């Protein structure tokens, strides 16, 4: 079971990173056509605070996860994007991006995992473009968008099956102020939108706590997953 789950994590992480990179650069705003599959925006403050790698790294720390969760196949990694990086030019694949972090955690019994990808931008306009590009349909046409309450300032959710492992997943892309984030929850044999929603809301709350100048304290540590 453990080896299978690690393989699932590796393949899922590679697939999602590739999808994320392939979708960057589309541009757009929170109110582009994808909004038809999202619910009305929640009353979430649209904070303009830019964040760096040290700050978004705190957002995805393991101690925020449910009881018994542990590091998965994708270790926590990321960086600050240099201001003179070619990709930060208006036509670049990381236009307006200041920092990025990715990580994966396995649940307590190694039957599921969450993949987190957080991108911080220099302002809300750049974050809107980053959110829009990551909200586009994935290259796998079998994925479908699903209705889910809005998380953050804008969000869109989808579900599908990992073609490499056969495991179903649910995913949400969201914008929280100057940050665009991807949260993917994969579980053997079943989709679990409620768990995905809990994880996404957790990340959104922790992002806002950092944007307000504090340390992220929100957790799911009282919940088993």
C-alpha atoms as a PDB file:
ATOM      1  CA  UNK A   1       0.000   0.000   0.000  1.00  0.00           C
ATOM      2  CA  UNK A   2       2.721   2.415   0.945  1.00  0.00           C
ATOM      3  CA  UNK A   3       4.721   1.819  -2.240  1.00  0.00           C
ATOM      4  CA  UNK A   4       1.578   2.191  -4.334  1.00  0.00           C
ATOM      5  CA  UNK A   5       0.715   5.453  -2.646  1.00  0.00           C
ATOM      6  CA  UNK A   6       4.205   6.828  -3.175  1.00  0.00           C
ATOM      7  CA  UNK A   7       3.976   5.928  -6.838  1.00  0.00           C
ATOM      8  CA  UNK A   8       0.595   7.624  -7.009  1.00  0.00           C
ATOM      9  CA  UNK A   9       2.084  10.729  -5.434  1.00  0.00           C
ATOM     10  CA  UNK A  10       5.044  10.891  -7.777  1.00  0.00           C
ATOM     11  CA  UNK A  11       2.903  10.488 -10.873  1.00  0.00           C
ATOM     12  CA  UNK A  12       0.232  12.896  -9.663  1.00  0.00           C
ATOM     13  CA  UNK A  13       2.802  15.546  -8.734  1.00  0.00           C
ATOM     14  CA  UNK A  14       4.544  15.273 -12.090  1.00  0.00           C
ATOM     15  CA  UNK A  15       1.240  15.448 -13.951  1.00  0.00           C
ATOM     16  CA  UNK A  16      -0.024  18.461 -12.024  1.00  0.00           C
ATOM     17  CA  UNK A  17       3.226  20.388 -12.310  1.00  0.00           C
ATOM     18  CA  UNK A  18       3.211  19.776 -16.064  1.00  0.00           C
ATOM     19  CA  UNK A  19      -0.427  20.876 -16.316  1.00  0.00           C
ATOM     20  CA  UNK A  20       0.257  23.987 -14.257  1.00  0.00           C
ATOM     21  CA  UNK A  21       3.200  24.954 -16.429  1.00  0.00           C
ATOM     22  CA  UNK A  22       1.335  24.255 -19.661  1.00  0.00           C
ATOM     23  CA  UNK A  23      -1.572  26.486 -18.624  1.00  0.00           C
ATOM     24  CA  UNK A  24       0.462  29.537 -17.572  1.00  0.00           C
ATOM     25  CA  UNK A  25       0.206  32.575 -19.831  1.00  0.00           C
ATOM     26  CA  UNK A  26      -3.487  32.556 -20.800  1.00  0.00           C
ATOM     27  CA  UNK A  27      -4.200  35.741 -18.830  1.00  0.00           C
ATOM     28  CA  UNK A  28      -7.697  36.982 -17.977  1.00  0.00           C
ATOM     29  CA  UNK A  29      -9.676  38.000 -14.929  1.00  0.00           C
ATOM     30  CA  UNK A  30     -11.736  36.429 -12.156  1.00  0.00           C
ATOM     31  CA  UNK A  31     -14.913  36.980 -14.185  1.00  0.00           C
ATOM     32  CA  UNK A  32     -13.859  35.075 -17.326  1.00  0.00           C
ATOM     33  CA  UNK A  33     -16.170  32.303 -18.650  1.00  0.00           C
ATOM     34  CA  UNK A  34     -14.964  29.744 -16.085  1.00  0.00           C
ATOM     35  CA  UNK A  35     -16.957  31.673 -13.436  1.00  0.00           C
ATOM     36  CA  UNK A  36     -20.163  29.999 -14.670  1.00  0.00           C
ATOM     37  CA  UNK A  37     -19.208  26.839 -12.780  1.00  0.00           C
ATOM     38  CA  UNK A  38     -18.393  28.559  -9.506  1.00  0.00           C
ATOM     39  CA  UNK A  39     -20.758  29.817  -6.841  1.00  0.00           C
ATOM     40  CA  UNK A  40     -21.110  33.471  -5.865  1.00  0.00           C
ATOM     41  CA  UNK A  41     -17.996  35.012  -4.380  1.00  0.00           C
ATOM     42  CA  UNK A  42     -17.704  34.732  -0.633  1.00  0.00           C
ATOM     43  CA  UNK A  43     -17.094  37.885   1.382  1.00  0.00           C
ATOM     44  CA  UNK A  44     -13.333  37.392   1.415  1.00  0.00           C
ATOM     45  CA  UNK A  45     -11.178  40.532   1.725  1.00  0.00           C
ATOM     46  CA  UNK A  46      -9.164  41.050  -1.458  1.00  0.00           C
ATOM     47  CA  UNK A  47      -5.820  41.820   0.175  1.00  0.00           C
ATOM     48  CA  UNK A  48      -3.061  43.513  -1.840  1.00  0.00           C
ATOM     49  CA  UNK A  49      -0.060  42.369   0.236  1.00  0.00           C
ATOM     50  CA  UNK A  50       2.668  40.711  -1.883  1.00  0.00           C
ATOM     51  CA  UNK A  51       4.334  37.660  -0.303  1.00  0.00           C
ATOM     52  CA  UNK A  52       7.772  36.071  -0.602  1.00  0.00           C
ATOM     53  CA  UNK A  53       8.917  32.447  -0.482  1.00  0.00           C
ATOM     54  CA  UNK A  54       9.585  32.452   3.273  1.00  0.00           C
ATOM     55  CA  UNK A  55       5.992  33.560   3.847  1.00  0.00           C
ATOM     56  CA  UNK A  56       4.202  31.166   1.486  1.00  0.00           C
ATOM     57  CA  UNK A  57       6.380  28.327   2.756  1.00  0.00           C
ATOM     58  CA  UNK A  58       4.711  28.839   6.153  1.00  0.00           C
ATOM     59  CA  UNK A  59       1.291  28.522   4.530  1.00  0.00           C
ATOM     60  CA  UNK A  60       1.859  24.887   3.521  1.00  0.00           C
ATOM     61  CA  UNK A  61       3.583  23.564   6.654  1.00  0.00           C
ATOM     62  CA  UNK A  62       2.821  19.989   7.734  1.00  0.00           C
ATOM     63  CA  UNK A  63       1.488  20.937  11.179  1.00  0.00           C
ATOM     64  CA  UNK A  64      -1.590  22.441   9.556  1.00  0.00           C
ATOM     65  CA  UNK A  65      -2.661  19.061   8.166  1.00  0.00           C
ATOM     66  CA  UNK A  66      -5.026  16.535   9.833  1.00  0.00           C
ATOM     67  CA  UNK A  67      -3.802  14.168  12.537  1.00  0.00           C
ATOM     68  CA  UNK A  68      -1.328  11.558  11.306  1.00  0.00           C
ATOM     69  CA  UNK A  69      -0.565  13.119   7.931  1.00  0.00           C
ATOM     70  CA  UNK A  70       3.060  12.999   6.806  1.00  0.00           C
ATOM     71  CA  UNK A  71       5.409  14.114   4.001  1.00  0.00           C
ATOM     72  CA  UNK A  72       4.663  12.513   0.640  1.00  0.00           C
ATOM     73  CA  UNK A  73       6.517  11.942  -2.598  1.00  0.00           C
ATOM     74  CA  UNK A  74       6.870  15.645  -3.423  1.00  0.00           C
ATOM     75  CA  UNK A  75       9.005  17.332  -0.743  1.00  0.00           C
ATOM     76  CA  UNK A  76       8.430  20.977   0.067  1.00  0.00           C
ATOM     77  CA  UNK A  77      10.346  23.073  -2.431  1.00  0.00           C
ATOM     78  CA  UNK A  78      10.182  26.491  -4.038  1.00  0.00           C
ATOM     79  CA  UNK A  79      11.946  29.793  -4.448  1.00  0.00           C
ATOM     80  CA  UNK A  80      11.719  33.534  -4.823  1.00  0.00           C
ATOM     81  CA  UNK A  81      11.655  34.412  -8.515  1.00  0.00           C
ATOM     82  CA  UNK A  82      14.392  36.996  -9.270  1.00  0.00           C
ATOM     83  CA  UNK A  83      13.076  40.341 -10.477  1.00  0.00           C
ATOM     84  CA  UNK A  84      15.224  40.107 -13.598  1.00  0.00           C
ATOM     85  CA  UNK A  85      14.168  36.546 -14.459  1.00  0.00           C
ATOM     86  CA  UNK A  86      13.150  36.381 -18.148  1.00  0.00           C
ATOM     87  CA  UNK A  87       9.961  34.525 -17.241  1.00  0.00           C
ATOM     88  CA  UNK A  88       8.726  37.547 -15.219  1.00  0.00           C
ATOM     89  CA  UNK A  89       8.427  39.697 -18.329  1.00  0.00           C
ATOM     90  CA  UNK A  90       4.824  40.427 -19.411  1.00  0.00           C
ATOM     91  CA  UNK A  91       4.975  37.653 -22.001  1.00  0.00           C
ATOM     92  CA  UNK A  92       6.843  35.214 -19.735  1.00  0.00           C
ATOM     93  CA  UNK A  93       5.465  32.048 -18.168  1.00  0.00           C
ATOM     94  CA  UNK A  94       5.782  33.521 -14.649  1.00  0.00           C
ATOM     95  CA  UNK A  95       4.782  37.107 -15.434  1.00  0.00           C
ATOM     96  CA  UNK A  96       4.360  39.071 -12.219  1.00  0.00           C
ATOM     97  CA  UNK A  97       5.225  36.077 -10.045  1.00  0.00           C
ATOM     98  CA  UNK A  98       7.388  36.732  -6.983  1.00  0.00           C
ATOM     99  CA  UNK A  99       7.638  33.271  -5.427  1.00  0.00           C
ATOM    100  CA  UNK A 100       6.346  29.719  -5.614  1.00  0.00           C
ATOM    101  CA  UNK A 101       6.129  26.615  -3.422  1.00  0.00           C
ATOM    102  CA  UNK A 102       4.957  23.025  -3.952  1.00  0.00           C
ATOM    103  CA  UNK A 103       4.521  20.100  -1.557  1.00  0.00           C
ATOM    104  CA  UNK A 104       2.592  16.859  -1.138  1.00  0.00           C
ATOM    105  CA  UNK A 105       1.377  15.168   2.050  1.00  0.00           C
ATOM    106  CA  UNK A 106       0.024  11.636   2.499  1.00  0.00           C
ATOM    107  CA  UNK A 107      -2.882  10.884   4.797  1.00  0.00           C
ATOM    108  CA  UNK A 108      -2.505   8.713   7.894  1.00  0.00           C
ATOM    109  CA  UNK A 109      -3.112   5.336   6.241  1.00  0.00           C
ATOM    110  CA  UNK A 110      -1.451   6.158   2.894  1.00  0.00           C
ATOM    111  CA  UNK A 111      -4.706   5.821   0.951  1.00  0.00           C
ATOM    112  CA  UNK A 112      -4.849   9.476  -0.051  1.00  0.00           C
ATOM    113  CA  UNK A 113      -2.710  12.559  -0.540  1.00  0.00           C
ATOM    114  CA  UNK A 114      -2.931  16.298  -1.058  1.00  0.00           C
ATOM    115  CA  UNK A 115      -0.793  18.218  -3.517  1.00  0.00           C
ATOM    116  CA  UNK A 116      -0.382  21.949  -2.823  1.00  0.00           C
ATOM    117  CA  UNK A 117       0.983  24.506  -5.258  1.00  0.00           C
ATOM    118  CA  UNK A 118       1.117  28.177  -4.223  1.00  0.00           C
ATOM    119  CA  UNK A 119       2.167  31.096  -6.444  1.00  0.00           C
ATOM    120  CA  UNK A 120       2.602  34.613  -5.036  1.00  0.00           C
ATOM    121  CA  UNK A 121       2.418  37.666  -7.324  1.00  0.00           C
ATOM    122  CA  UNK A 122       3.514  41.290  -7.162  1.00  0.00           C
ATOM    123  CA  UNK A 123      -0.087  42.567  -7.206  1.00  0.00           C
ATOM    124  CA  UNK A 124      -3.686  41.436  -7.493  1.00  0.00           C
ATOM    125  CA  UNK A 125      -3.864  42.032 -11.233  1.00  0.00           C
ATOM    126  CA  UNK A 126      -0.967  39.651 -11.862  1.00  0.00           C
ATOM    127  CA  UNK A 127      -2.572  37.158  -9.468  1.00  0.00           C
ATOM    128  CA  UNK A 128      -5.847  37.358 -11.412  1.00  0.00           C
ATOM    129  CA  UNK A 129      -3.984  36.484 -14.597  1.00  0.00           C
ATOM    130  CA  UNK A 130      -2.179  33.634 -12.840  1.00  0.00           C
ATOM    131  CA  UNK A 131      -5.450  32.338 -11.427  1.00  0.00           C
ATOM    132  CA  UNK A 132      -7.134  32.518 -14.802  1.00  0.00           C
ATOM    133  CA  UNK A 133      -4.358  30.615 -16.555  1.00  0.00           C
ATOM    134  CA  UNK A 134      -4.460  27.839 -13.947  1.00  0.00           C
ATOM    135  CA  UNK A 135      -8.258  27.682 -14.128  1.00  0.00           C
ATOM    136  CA  UNK A 136      -8.251  26.694 -17.790  1.00  0.00           C
ATOM    137  CA  UNK A 137      -9.238  23.163 -18.746  1.00  0.00           C
ATOM    138  CA  UNK A 138      -6.449  20.649 -18.335  1.00  0.00           C
ATOM    139  CA  UNK A 139      -4.994  18.731 -21.266  1.00  0.00           C
ATOM    140  CA  UNK A 140      -6.940  15.643 -20.133  1.00  0.00           C
ATOM    141  CA  UNK A 141     -10.355  16.108 -21.722  1.00  0.00           C
ATOM    142  CA  UNK A 142     -11.898  13.507 -19.399  1.00  0.00           C
ATOM    143  CA  UNK A 143     -11.643  15.905 -16.436  1.00  0.00           C
ATOM    144  CA  UNK A 144     -14.841  17.790 -15.670  1.00  0.00           C
ATOM    145  CA  UNK A 145     -15.635  20.922 -13.734  1.00  0.00           C
ATOM    146  CA  UNK A 146     -17.816  20.571 -10.638  1.00  0.00           C
ATOM    147  CA  UNK A 147     -19.882  22.958  -8.540  1.00  0.00           C
ATOM    148  CA  UNK A 148     -18.283  23.903  -5.226  1.00  0.00           C
ATOM    149  CA  UNK A 149     -18.566  26.918  -2.873  1.00  0.00           C
ATOM    150  CA  UNK A 150     -16.151  29.707  -3.756  1.00  0.00           C
ATOM    151  CA  UNK A 151     -12.912  29.647  -1.800  1.00  0.00           C
ATOM    152  CA  UNK A 152     -10.939  32.882  -1.494  1.00  0.00           C
ATOM    153  CA  UNK A 153     -11.801  35.669  -3.950  1.00  0.00           C
ATOM    154  CA  UNK A 154     -12.396  33.311  -6.880  1.00  0.00           C
ATOM    155  CA  UNK A 155     -12.181  29.563  -7.431  1.00  0.00           C
ATOM    156  CA  UNK A 156     -13.030  26.760  -9.821  1.00  0.00           C
ATOM    157  CA  UNK A 157     -13.080  23.015  -9.093  1.00  0.00           C
ATOM    158  CA  UNK A 158     -12.755  19.893 -11.214  1.00  0.00           C
ATOM    159  CA  UNK A 159     -12.613  16.124 -10.844  1.00  0.00           C
ATOM    160  CA  UNK A 160     -10.977  13.374 -12.839  1.00  0.00           C
ATOM    161  CA  UNK A 161      -8.938  10.198 -12.748  1.00  0.00           C
ATOM    162  CA  UNK A 162      -5.167   9.948 -12.684  1.00  0.00           C
ATOM    163  CA  UNK A 163      -4.517   8.136 -15.947  1.00  0.00           C
ATOM    164  CA  UNK A 164      -1.262   6.708 -14.581  1.00  0.00           C
ATOM    165  CA  UNK A 165      -2.764   5.071 -11.456  1.00  0.00           C
ATOM    166  CA  UNK A 166      -6.539   4.987 -11.925  1.00  0.00           C
ATOM    167  CA  UNK A 167      -7.092   6.874  -8.671  1.00  0.00           C
ATOM    168  CA  UNK A 168      -9.794   9.591  -8.677  1.00  0.00           C
ATOM    169  CA  UNK A 169      -8.988  13.146  -7.631  1.00  0.00           C
ATOM    170  CA  UNK A 170     -10.716  16.452  -6.990  1.00  0.00           C
ATOM    171  CA  UNK A 171      -8.901  19.750  -7.490  1.00  0.00           C
ATOM    172  CA  UNK A 172      -9.514  23.432  -6.910  1.00  0.00           C
ATOM    173  CA  UNK A 173      -7.717  26.484  -8.256  1.00  0.00           C
ATOM    174  CA  UNK A 174      -8.264  29.661  -6.252  1.00  0.00           C
ATOM    175  CA  UNK A 175      -7.135  33.257  -5.967  1.00  0.00           C
ATOM    176  CA  UNK A 176      -6.636  34.787  -2.544  1.00  0.00           C
ATOM    177  CA  UNK A 177      -5.562  38.415  -2.939  1.00  0.00           C
ATOM    178  CA  UNK A 178      -2.098  38.383  -4.520  1.00  0.00           C
ATOM    179  CA  UNK A 179      -1.843  34.587  -4.469  1.00  0.00           C
ATOM    180  CA  UNK A 180      -3.048  31.876  -6.849  1.00  0.00           C
ATOM    181  CA  UNK A 181      -3.081  28.324  -5.503  1.00  0.00           C
ATOM    182  CA  UNK A 182      -3.838  24.777  -6.609  1.00  0.00           C
ATOM    183  CA  UNK A 183      -5.087  22.125  -4.155  1.00  0.00           C
ATOM    184  CA  UNK A 184      -5.520  18.531  -5.363  1.00  0.00           C
ATOM    185  CA  UNK A 185      -6.867  15.716  -3.175  1.00  0.00           C
ATOM    186  CA  UNK A 186      -6.429  12.155  -4.454  1.00  0.00           C
ATOM    187  CA  UNK A 187      -7.872   9.081  -2.747  1.00  0.00           C
ATOM    188  CA  UNK A 188      -7.849   5.414  -3.679  1.00  0.00           C
ATOM    189  CA  UNK A 189     -11.244   4.318  -4.929  1.00  0.00           C
ATOM    190  CA  UNK A 190     -13.308   7.444  -4.263  1.00  0.00           C
ATOM    191  CA  UNK A 191     -13.585  11.158  -4.822  1.00  0.00           C
ATOM    192  CA  UNK A 192     -13.925  13.296  -1.707  1.00  0.00           C
ATOM    193  CA  UNK A 193     -15.073  16.878  -2.495  1.00  0.00           C
ATOM    194  CA  UNK A 194     -15.755  17.697   1.202  1.00  0.00           C
ATOM    195  CA  UNK A 195     -12.146  16.900   2.121  1.00  0.00           C
ATOM    196  CA  UNK A 196     -10.888  18.955  -0.808  1.00  0.00           C
ATOM    197  CA  UNK A 197     -13.056  21.873   0.295  1.00  0.00           C
ATOM    198  CA  UNK A 198     -11.728  21.663   3.863  1.00  0.00           C
ATOM    199  CA  UNK A 199      -8.131  21.642   2.624  1.00  0.00           C
ATOM    200  CA  UNK A 200      -8.707  24.531   0.218  1.00  0.00           C
ATOM    201  CA  UNK A 201     -10.419  26.661   2.860  1.00  0.00           C
ATOM    202  CA  UNK A 202      -7.551  25.921   5.225  1.00  0.00           C
ATOM    203  CA  UNK A 203      -4.969  27.113   2.695  1.00  0.00           C
ATOM    204  CA  UNK A 204      -6.992  30.241   1.882  1.00  0.00           C
ATOM    205  CA  UNK A 205      -7.262  31.139   5.558  1.00  0.00           C
ATOM    206  CA  UNK A 206      -3.550  30.611   6.146  1.00  0.00           C
ATOM    207  CA  UNK A 207      -2.706  32.745   3.101  1.00  0.00           C
ATOM    208  CA  UNK A 208      -4.824  35.583   4.462  1.00  0.00           C
ATOM    209  CA  UNK A 209      -3.282  35.304   7.903  1.00  0.00           C
ATOM    210  CA  UNK A 210       0.149  35.845   6.341  1.00  0.00           C
ATOM    211  CA  UNK A 211      -1.133  38.660   4.118  1.00  0.00           C
ATOM    212  CA  UNK A 212      -2.354  40.438   7.250  1.00  0.00           C
ATOM    213  CA  UNK A 213       1.181  40.323   8.656  1.00  0.00           C
ATOM    214  CA  UNK A 214       0.740  37.455  11.086  1.00  0.00           C
ATOM    215  CA  UNK A 215       1.802  33.832  11.305  1.00  0.00           C
ATOM    216  CA  UNK A 216      -0.553  31.222   9.855  1.00  0.00           C
ATOM    217  CA  UNK A 217      -2.295  29.426  12.714  1.00  0.00           C
ATOM    218  CA  UNK A 218      -5.304  27.793  11.032  1.00  0.00           C
ATOM    219  CA  UNK A 219      -5.103  23.967  11.080  1.00  0.00           C
ATOM    220  CA  UNK A 220      -7.063  20.799  10.438  1.00  0.00           C
ATOM    221  CA  UNK A 221      -5.172  19.116  13.277  1.00  0.00           C
ATOM    222  CA  UNK A 222      -8.445  18.180  15.006  1.00  0.00           C
ATOM    223  CA  UNK A 223      -9.670  16.316  11.937  1.00  0.00           C
ATOM    224  CA  UNK A 224      -8.736  12.871  10.730  1.00  0.00           C
ATOM    225  CA  UNK A 225      -8.281  12.396   6.990  1.00  0.00           C
END
